[in-house]
Amino acid sequence: MSTQPADRRAFLSLAGLGLAGMGLSACGREAVAAERYPVAMSDAAWRQKLGPAAYAVLRKEGTERPYSSPLNDEHRSGVFGCKGCGQPLFSSRTKFDSGTGWPSFWASLPRAVGTTSDRSLMMERVEVHCSRCGGHLGHVFDDGPKPTGKRYCMNGVAMTFRAG
Protein backbone atom coordinates (compact mmCIF):
# COMPACT_ATOMS: atom_id res chain seq x y z
CA MET A 1 0.00 0.00 0.00
CA SER A 2 2.86 2.39 0.65
CA THR A 3 3.95 2.15 -3.01
CA GLN A 4 0.61 3.40 -4.37
CA PRO A 5 1.17 7.09 -3.56
CA ALA A 6 4.67 6.92 -5.06
CA ASP A 7 3.35 5.19 -8.18
CA ARG A 8 0.58 7.78 -8.47
CA ARG A 9 3.09 10.64 -8.09
CA ALA A 10 5.35 9.10 -10.75
CA PHE A 11 2.39 8.70 -13.11
CA LEU A 12 1.25 12.30 -12.56
CA SER A 13 4.80 13.58 -13.07
CA LEU A 14 5.13 11.71 -16.34
CA ALA A 15 1.70 12.90 -17.47
CA GLY A 16 2.67 16.48 -16.67
CA LEU A 17 5.91 16.15 -18.64
CA GLY A 18 3.95 14.76 -21.57
CA LEU A 19 1.55 17.70 -21.52
CA ALA A 20 4.42 20.15 -21.27
CA GLY A 21 6.12 18.46 -24.23
CA MET A 22 2.93 18.70 -26.28
CA GLY A 23 2.70 22.38 -25.44
CA LEU A 24 6.28 23.00 -26.59
CA SER A 25 5.60 21.03 -29.75
CA ALA A 26 2.52 23.12 -30.54
CA CYS A 27 4.50 26.34 -30.16
CA GLY A 28 6.98 25.17 -32.79
CA ARG A 29 4.22 24.30 -35.24
CA GLU A 30 2.60 27.72 -34.93
CA ALA A 31 5.87 29.44 -35.83
CA VAL A 32 6.30 27.32 -38.98
CA ALA A 33 2.66 27.86 -39.96
CA ALA A 34 3.18 31.63 -39.79
CA GLU A 35 5.78 31.53 -42.61
CA ARG A 36 4.67 32.62 -46.08
CA TYR A 37 5.12 30.32 -49.08
CA PRO A 38 4.54 30.93 -52.81
CA VAL A 39 1.73 28.34 -52.81
CA ALA A 40 -0.89 29.03 -50.13
CA MET A 41 -4.45 27.79 -49.70
CA SER A 42 -7.10 27.86 -47.01
CA ASP A 43 -7.25 24.93 -44.62
CA ALA A 44 -10.51 23.77 -46.25
CA ALA A 45 -8.92 23.89 -49.72
CA TRP A 46 -5.92 21.84 -48.54
CA ARG A 47 -8.27 19.26 -46.98
CA GLN A 48 -10.23 18.92 -50.21
CA LYS A 49 -7.16 18.74 -52.45
CA LEU A 50 -5.12 16.28 -50.37
CA GLY A 51 -7.55 13.86 -48.76
CA PRO A 52 -7.29 12.74 -45.12
CA ALA A 53 -3.95 10.86 -45.09
CA ALA A 54 -1.89 13.39 -47.09
CA TYR A 55 -3.55 16.30 -45.26
CA ALA A 56 -2.61 14.80 -41.87
CA VAL A 57 1.05 14.59 -42.89
CA LEU A 58 1.55 17.65 -45.10
CA ARG A 59 -0.54 20.17 -43.18
CA LYS A 60 -0.62 18.76 -39.61
CA GLU A 61 2.90 17.27 -39.43
CA GLY A 62 1.71 13.70 -39.01
CA THR A 63 3.64 10.54 -39.86
CA GLU A 64 2.44 7.64 -41.95
CA ARG A 65 2.89 4.07 -40.71
CA PRO A 66 6.25 2.57 -41.75
CA TYR A 67 6.14 0.29 -44.80
CA SER A 68 2.68 1.61 -45.75
CA SER A 69 3.69 3.71 -48.78
CA PRO A 70 4.04 2.22 -52.26
CA LEU A 71 6.76 4.84 -52.86
CA ASN A 72 8.98 2.97 -50.42
CA ASP A 73 9.31 0.26 -53.09
CA GLU A 74 9.50 2.61 -56.09
CA HIS A 75 12.79 1.93 -57.89
CA ARG A 76 12.21 3.33 -61.39
CA SER A 77 14.11 6.33 -62.70
CA GLY A 78 12.22 9.56 -62.12
CA VAL A 79 11.39 12.40 -59.76
CA PHE A 80 9.58 12.44 -56.41
CA GLY A 81 7.49 15.58 -55.98
CA CYS A 82 5.39 17.32 -53.36
CA LYS A 83 1.80 16.07 -53.32
CA GLY A 84 0.68 19.49 -52.12
CA CYS A 85 2.04 21.67 -54.91
CA GLY A 86 3.81 19.39 -57.39
CA GLN A 87 7.28 20.82 -56.85
CA PRO A 88 10.05 18.31 -57.71
CA LEU A 89 11.83 17.35 -54.46
CA PHE A 90 14.11 14.32 -54.93
CA SER A 91 15.71 12.50 -57.84
CA SER A 92 15.41 8.71 -57.88
CA ARG A 93 19.22 8.65 -58.24
CA THR A 94 19.53 9.71 -54.57
CA LYS A 95 16.99 7.18 -53.21
CA PHE A 96 18.27 4.31 -51.08
CA ASP A 97 16.81 1.56 -48.89
CA SER A 98 17.34 2.75 -45.32
CA GLY A 99 15.46 -0.19 -43.80
CA THR A 100 13.26 2.25 -41.86
CA GLY A 101 10.03 1.72 -43.80
CA TRP A 102 9.91 5.22 -45.30
CA PRO A 103 11.26 6.43 -48.66
CA SER A 104 14.78 7.71 -47.99
CA PHE A 105 17.15 9.90 -49.98
CA TRP A 106 20.71 11.12 -49.44
CA ALA A 107 20.09 14.52 -51.09
CA SER A 108 17.22 16.75 -52.17
CA LEU A 109 17.03 18.70 -55.40
CA PRO A 110 18.51 22.24 -55.15
CA ARG A 111 16.29 24.68 -53.21
CA ALA A 112 13.41 22.15 -53.15
CA VAL A 113 13.17 21.74 -49.39
CA GLY A 114 13.62 23.78 -46.25
CA THR A 115 14.34 22.66 -42.72
CA THR A 116 13.30 23.76 -39.25
CA SER A 117 14.04 22.57 -35.76
CA ASP A 118 11.43 20.12 -34.45
CA ARG A 119 11.39 19.76 -30.66
CA SER A 120 8.34 17.51 -30.44
CA LEU A 121 8.54 14.08 -28.79
CA MET A 122 10.92 15.46 -26.13
CA MET A 123 13.91 15.45 -28.52
CA GLU A 124 15.36 17.69 -31.18
CA ARG A 125 15.11 16.64 -34.82
CA VAL A 126 15.33 18.48 -38.13
CA GLU A 127 11.99 18.72 -39.94
CA VAL A 128 11.95 18.84 -43.74
CA HIS A 129 9.26 20.81 -45.57
CA CYS A 130 8.53 21.76 -49.18
CA SER A 131 10.05 25.17 -49.94
CA ARG A 132 7.13 26.05 -52.22
CA CYS A 133 4.05 25.24 -50.09
CA GLY A 134 5.52 24.57 -46.63
CA GLY A 135 4.10 21.03 -46.51
CA HIS A 136 5.68 18.72 -43.93
CA LEU A 137 7.58 15.91 -45.65
CA GLY A 138 9.50 14.17 -42.85
CA HIS A 139 12.86 14.58 -41.12
CA VAL A 140 16.54 14.52 -42.06
CA PHE A 141 19.17 12.66 -40.05
CA ASP A 142 22.97 12.46 -40.16
CA ASP A 143 23.15 8.67 -40.54
CA GLY A 144 22.83 8.30 -44.31
CA PRO A 145 25.22 6.99 -46.94
CA LYS A 146 27.99 8.79 -48.80
CA PRO A 147 28.45 11.22 -50.37
CA THR A 148 26.33 13.44 -48.06
CA GLY A 149 25.88 11.27 -44.96
CA LYS A 150 22.25 12.49 -44.85
CA ARG A 151 19.07 10.41 -44.62
CA TYR A 152 16.02 12.34 -45.74
CA CYS A 153 13.35 10.09 -44.21
CA MET A 154 10.18 11.15 -46.05
CA ASN A 155 6.50 10.26 -45.77
CA GLY A 156 5.46 8.65 -49.05
CA VAL A 157 1.90 9.90 -48.68
CA ALA A 158 3.26 13.46 -48.89
CA MET A 159 4.84 12.82 -52.30
CA THR A 160 4.08 11.82 -55.87
CA PHE A 161 6.30 10.02 -58.35
CA ARG A 162 6.80 10.80 -62.02
CA ALA A 163 8.78 8.22 -64.01
CA GLY A 164 11.22 9.46 -66.57
C-alpha atoms as a PDB file:
ATOM      1  CA  MET A   1       0.000   0.000   0.000  1.00  0.00           C
ATOM      2  CA  SER A   2       2.855   2.392   0.647  1.00  0.00           C
ATOM      3  CA  THR A   3       3.952   2.153  -3.009  1.00  0.00           C
ATOM      4  CA  GLN A   4       0.608   3.403  -4.365  1.00  0.00           C
ATOM      5  CA  PRO A   5       1.170   7.091  -3.564  1.00  0.00           C
ATOM      6  CA  ALA A   6       4.668   6.919  -5.056  1.00  0.00           C
ATOM      7  CA  ASP A   7       3.347   5.189  -8.184  1.00  0.00           C
ATOM      8  CA  ARG A   8       0.585   7.784  -8.472  1.00  0.00           C
ATOM      9  CA  ARG A   9       3.094  10.643  -8.091  1.00  0.00           C
ATOM     10  CA  ALA A  10       5.351   9.101 -10.750  1.00  0.00           C
ATOM     11  CA  PHE A  11       2.393   8.705 -13.114  1.00  0.00           C
ATOM     12  CA  LEU A  12       1.248  12.299 -12.562  1.00  0.00           C
ATOM     13  CA  SER A  13       4.796  13.575 -13.066  1.00  0.00           C
ATOM     14  CA  LEU A  14       5.132  11.710 -16.342  1.00  0.00           C
ATOM     15  CA  ALA A  15       1.701  12.897 -17.472  1.00  0.00           C
ATOM     16  CA  GLY A  16       2.672  16.481 -16.670  1.00  0.00           C
ATOM     17  CA  LEU A  17       5.907  16.152 -18.637  1.00  0.00           C
ATOM     18  CA  GLY A  18       3.951  14.764 -21.565  1.00  0.00           C
ATOM     19  CA  LEU A  19       1.547  17.701 -21.519  1.00  0.00           C
ATOM     20  CA  ALA A  20       4.425  20.150 -21.267  1.00  0.00           C
ATOM     21  CA  GLY A  21       6.119  18.464 -24.232  1.00  0.00           C
ATOM     22  CA  MET A  22       2.932  18.698 -26.277  1.00  0.00           C
ATOM     23  CA  GLY A  23       2.702  22.379 -25.444  1.00  0.00           C
ATOM     24  CA  LEU A  24       6.276  22.995 -26.590  1.00  0.00           C
ATOM     25  CA  SER A  25       5.597  21.030 -29.754  1.00  0.00           C
ATOM     26  CA  ALA A  26       2.523  23.120 -30.536  1.00  0.00           C
ATOM     27  CA  CYS A  27       4.503  26.344 -30.159  1.00  0.00           C
ATOM     28  CA  GLY A  28       6.983  25.173 -32.791  1.00  0.00           C
ATOM     29  CA  ARG A  29       4.215  24.300 -35.244  1.00  0.00           C
ATOM     30  CA  GLU A  30       2.605  27.721 -34.932  1.00  0.00           C
ATOM     31  CA  ALA A  31       5.872  29.438 -35.832  1.00  0.00           C
ATOM     32  CA  VAL A  32       6.297  27.323 -38.982  1.00  0.00           C
ATOM     33  CA  ALA A  33       2.662  27.858 -39.963  1.00  0.00           C
ATOM     34  CA  ALA A  34       3.176  31.633 -39.790  1.00  0.00           C
ATOM     35  CA  GLU A  35       5.776  31.531 -42.606  1.00  0.00           C
ATOM     36  CA  ARG A  36       4.672  32.621 -46.077  1.00  0.00           C
ATOM     37  CA  TYR A  37       5.121  30.323 -49.081  1.00  0.00           C
ATOM     38  CA  PRO A  38       4.537  30.931 -52.812  1.00  0.00           C
ATOM     39  CA  VAL A  39       1.728  28.342 -52.811  1.00  0.00           C
ATOM     40  CA  ALA A  40      -0.886  29.031 -50.129  1.00  0.00           C
ATOM     41  CA  MET A  41      -4.447  27.789 -49.695  1.00  0.00           C
ATOM     42  CA  SER A  42      -7.103  27.858 -47.015  1.00  0.00           C
ATOM     43  CA  ASP A  43      -7.251  24.930 -44.619  1.00  0.00           C
ATOM     44  CA  ALA A  44     -10.507  23.771 -46.250  1.00  0.00           C
ATOM     45  CA  ALA A  45      -8.924  23.888 -49.725  1.00  0.00           C
ATOM     46  CA  TRP A  46      -5.918  21.839 -48.542  1.00  0.00           C
ATOM     47  CA  ARG A  47      -8.268  19.255 -46.983  1.00  0.00           C
ATOM     48  CA  GLN A  48     -10.232  18.924 -50.210  1.00  0.00           C
ATOM     49  CA  LYS A  49      -7.156  18.740 -52.446  1.00  0.00           C
ATOM     50  CA  LEU A  50      -5.123  16.283 -50.369  1.00  0.00           C
ATOM     51  CA  GLY A  51      -7.546  13.859 -48.760  1.00  0.00           C
ATOM     52  CA  PRO A  52      -7.288  12.740 -45.116  1.00  0.00           C
ATOM     53  CA  ALA A  53      -3.951  10.864 -45.095  1.00  0.00           C
ATOM     54  CA  ALA A  54      -1.894  13.391 -47.093  1.00  0.00           C
ATOM     55  CA  TYR A  55      -3.548  16.303 -45.260  1.00  0.00           C
ATOM     56  CA  ALA A  56      -2.609  14.805 -41.866  1.00  0.00           C
ATOM     57  CA  VAL A  57       1.050  14.587 -42.894  1.00  0.00           C
ATOM     58  CA  LEU A  58       1.554  17.649 -45.100  1.00  0.00           C
ATOM     59  CA  ARG A  59      -0.537  20.167 -43.178  1.00  0.00           C
ATOM     60  CA  LYS A  60      -0.618  18.755 -39.609  1.00  0.00           C
ATOM     61  CA  GLU A  61       2.903  17.273 -39.432  1.00  0.00           C
ATOM     62  CA  GLY A  62       1.711  13.700 -39.006  1.00  0.00           C
ATOM     63  CA  THR A  63       3.637  10.543 -39.859  1.00  0.00           C
ATOM     64  CA  GLU A  64       2.436   7.637 -41.945  1.00  0.00           C
ATOM     65  CA  ARG A  65       2.886   4.065 -40.707  1.00  0.00           C
ATOM     66  CA  PRO A  66       6.246   2.574 -41.748  1.00  0.00           C
ATOM     67  CA  TYR A  67       6.141   0.288 -44.800  1.00  0.00           C
ATOM     68  CA  SER A  68       2.676   1.607 -45.753  1.00  0.00           C
ATOM     69  CA  SER A  69       3.688   3.713 -48.781  1.00  0.00           C
ATOM     70  CA  PRO A  70       4.038   2.223 -52.259  1.00  0.00           C
ATOM     71  CA  LEU A  71       6.755   4.842 -52.862  1.00  0.00           C
ATOM     72  CA  ASN A  72       8.985   2.970 -50.421  1.00  0.00           C
ATOM     73  CA  ASP A  73       9.312   0.256 -53.086  1.00  0.00           C
ATOM     74  CA  GLU A  74       9.504   2.612 -56.088  1.00  0.00           C
ATOM     75  CA  HIS A  75      12.793   1.927 -57.887  1.00  0.00           C
ATOM     76  CA  ARG A  76      12.208   3.326 -61.385  1.00  0.00           C
ATOM     77  CA  SER A  77      14.114   6.333 -62.695  1.00  0.00           C
ATOM     78  CA  GLY A  78      12.216   9.559 -62.116  1.00  0.00           C
ATOM     79  CA  VAL A  79      11.394  12.402 -59.760  1.00  0.00           C
ATOM     80  CA  PHE A  80       9.584  12.439 -56.410  1.00  0.00           C
ATOM     81  CA  GLY A  81       7.489  15.578 -55.982  1.00  0.00           C
ATOM     82  CA  CYS A  82       5.387  17.322 -53.357  1.00  0.00           C
ATOM     83  CA  LYS A  83       1.805  16.067 -53.316  1.00  0.00           C
ATOM     84  CA  GLY A  84       0.675  19.491 -52.117  1.00  0.00           C
ATOM     85  CA  CYS A  85       2.039  21.674 -54.914  1.00  0.00           C
ATOM     86  CA  GLY A  86       3.806  19.391 -57.388  1.00  0.00           C
ATOM     87  CA  GLN A  87       7.283  20.815 -56.854  1.00  0.00           C
ATOM     88  CA  PRO A  88      10.054  18.310 -57.708  1.00  0.00           C
ATOM     89  CA  LEU A  89      11.829  17.346 -54.463  1.00  0.00           C
ATOM     90  CA  PHE A  90      14.114  14.319 -54.927  1.00  0.00           C
ATOM     91  CA  SER A  91      15.711  12.499 -57.839  1.00  0.00           C
ATOM     92  CA  SER A  92      15.409   8.714 -57.879  1.00  0.00           C
ATOM     93  CA  ARG A  93      19.223   8.655 -58.236  1.00  0.00           C
ATOM     94  CA  THR A  94      19.526   9.706 -54.572  1.00  0.00           C
ATOM     95  CA  LYS A  95      16.988   7.182 -53.210  1.00  0.00           C
ATOM     96  CA  PHE A  96      18.275   4.307 -51.080  1.00  0.00           C
ATOM     97  CA  ASP A  97      16.815   1.561 -48.893  1.00  0.00           C
ATOM     98  CA  SER A  98      17.344   2.746 -45.322  1.00  0.00           C
ATOM     99  CA  GLY A  99      15.459  -0.192 -43.798  1.00  0.00           C
ATOM    100  CA  THR A 100      13.260   2.250 -41.856  1.00  0.00           C
ATOM    101  CA  GLY A 101      10.030   1.724 -43.799  1.00  0.00           C
ATOM    102  CA  TRP A 102       9.912   5.218 -45.303  1.00  0.00           C
ATOM    103  CA  PRO A 103      11.258   6.428 -48.661  1.00  0.00           C
ATOM    104  CA  SER A 104      14.785   7.708 -47.985  1.00  0.00           C
ATOM    105  CA  PHE A 105      17.151   9.904 -49.977  1.00  0.00           C
ATOM    106  CA  TRP A 106      20.711  11.116 -49.435  1.00  0.00           C
ATOM    107  CA  ALA A 107      20.088  14.515 -51.087  1.00  0.00           C
ATOM    108  CA  SER A 108      17.222  16.751 -52.174  1.00  0.00           C
ATOM    109  CA  LEU A 109      17.026  18.704 -55.403  1.00  0.00           C
ATOM    110  CA  PRO A 110      18.512  22.238 -55.145  1.00  0.00           C
ATOM    111  CA  ARG A 111      16.288  24.681 -53.215  1.00  0.00           C
ATOM    112  CA  ALA A 112      13.414  22.153 -53.149  1.00  0.00           C
ATOM    113  CA  VAL A 113      13.171  21.735 -49.390  1.00  0.00           C
ATOM    114  CA  GLY A 114      13.619  23.781 -46.255  1.00  0.00           C
ATOM    115  CA  THR A 115      14.343  22.661 -42.720  1.00  0.00           C
ATOM    116  CA  THR A 116      13.298  23.758 -39.253  1.00  0.00           C
ATOM    117  CA  SER A 117      14.041  22.571 -35.757  1.00  0.00           C
ATOM    118  CA  ASP A 118      11.433  20.119 -34.446  1.00  0.00           C
ATOM    119  CA  ARG A 119      11.387  19.758 -30.662  1.00  0.00           C
ATOM    120  CA  SER A 120       8.337  17.512 -30.437  1.00  0.00           C
ATOM    121  CA  LEU A 121       8.538  14.080 -28.790  1.00  0.00           C
ATOM    122  CA  MET A 122      10.917  15.459 -26.134  1.00  0.00           C
ATOM    123  CA  MET A 123      13.908  15.450 -28.518  1.00  0.00           C
ATOM    124  CA  GLU A 124      15.362  17.692 -31.184  1.00  0.00           C
ATOM    125  CA  ARG A 125      15.113  16.643 -34.825  1.00  0.00           C
ATOM    126  CA  VAL A 126      15.334  18.477 -38.133  1.00  0.00           C
ATOM    127  CA  GLU A 127      11.994  18.716 -39.941  1.00  0.00           C
ATOM    128  CA  VAL A 128      11.955  18.842 -43.738  1.00  0.00           C
ATOM    129  CA  HIS A 129       9.265  20.812 -45.571  1.00  0.00           C
ATOM    130  CA  CYS A 130       8.528  21.757 -49.180  1.00  0.00           C
ATOM    131  CA  SER A 131      10.047  25.165 -49.937  1.00  0.00           C
ATOM    132  CA  ARG A 132       7.125  26.054 -52.217  1.00  0.00           C
ATOM    133  CA  CYS A 133       4.049  25.236 -50.093  1.00  0.00           C
ATOM    134  CA  GLY A 134       5.517  24.568 -46.634  1.00  0.00           C
ATOM    135  CA  GLY A 135       4.099  21.031 -46.508  1.00  0.00           C
ATOM    136  CA  HIS A 136       5.680  18.715 -43.927  1.00  0.00           C
ATOM    137  CA  LEU A 137       7.583  15.909 -45.646  1.00  0.00           C
ATOM    138  CA  GLY A 138       9.499  14.169 -42.850  1.00  0.00           C
ATOM    139  CA  HIS A 139      12.863  14.585 -41.121  1.00  0.00           C
ATOM    140  CA  VAL A 140      16.543  14.520 -42.063  1.00  0.00           C
ATOM    141  CA  PHE A 141      19.173  12.659 -40.049  1.00  0.00           C
ATOM    142  CA  ASP A 142      22.975  12.459 -40.158  1.00  0.00           C
ATOM    143  CA  ASP A 143      23.155   8.673 -40.538  1.00  0.00           C
ATOM    144  CA  GLY A 144      22.827   8.301 -44.310  1.00  0.00           C
ATOM    145  CA  PRO A 145      25.221   6.988 -46.939  1.00  0.00           C
ATOM    146  CA  LYS A 146      27.990   8.793 -48.795  1.00  0.00           C
ATOM    147  CA  PRO A 147      28.447  11.218 -50.371  1.00  0.00           C
ATOM    148  CA  THR A 148      26.331  13.437 -48.056  1.00  0.00           C
ATOM    149  CA  GLY A 149      25.882  11.273 -44.957  1.00  0.00           C
ATOM    150  CA  LYS A 150      22.251  12.493 -44.853  1.00  0.00           C
ATOM    151  CA  ARG A 151      19.073  10.411 -44.618  1.00  0.00           C
ATOM    152  CA  TYR A 152      16.018  12.342 -45.737  1.00  0.00           C
ATOM    153  CA  CYS A 153      13.354  10.094 -44.211  1.00  0.00           C
ATOM    154  CA  MET A 154      10.182  11.146 -46.049  1.00  0.00           C
ATOM    155  CA  ASN A 155       6.504  10.265 -45.769  1.00  0.00           C
ATOM    156  CA  GLY A 156       5.460   8.652 -49.054  1.00  0.00           C
ATOM    157  CA  VAL A 157       1.897   9.899 -48.676  1.00  0.00           C
ATOM    158  CA  ALA A 158       3.262  13.461 -48.894  1.00  0.00           C
ATOM    159  CA  MET A 159       4.844  12.824 -52.300  1.00  0.00           C
ATOM    160  CA  THR A 160       4.083  11.824 -55.869  1.00  0.00           C
ATOM    161  CA  PHE A 161       6.305  10.016 -58.352  1.00  0.00           C
ATOM    162  CA  ARG A 162       6.797  10.804 -62.021  1.00  0.00           C
ATOM    163  CA  ALA A 163       8.776   8.217 -64.010  1.00  0.00           C
ATOM    164  CA  GLY A 164      11.217   9.462 -66.567  1.00  0.00           C
END
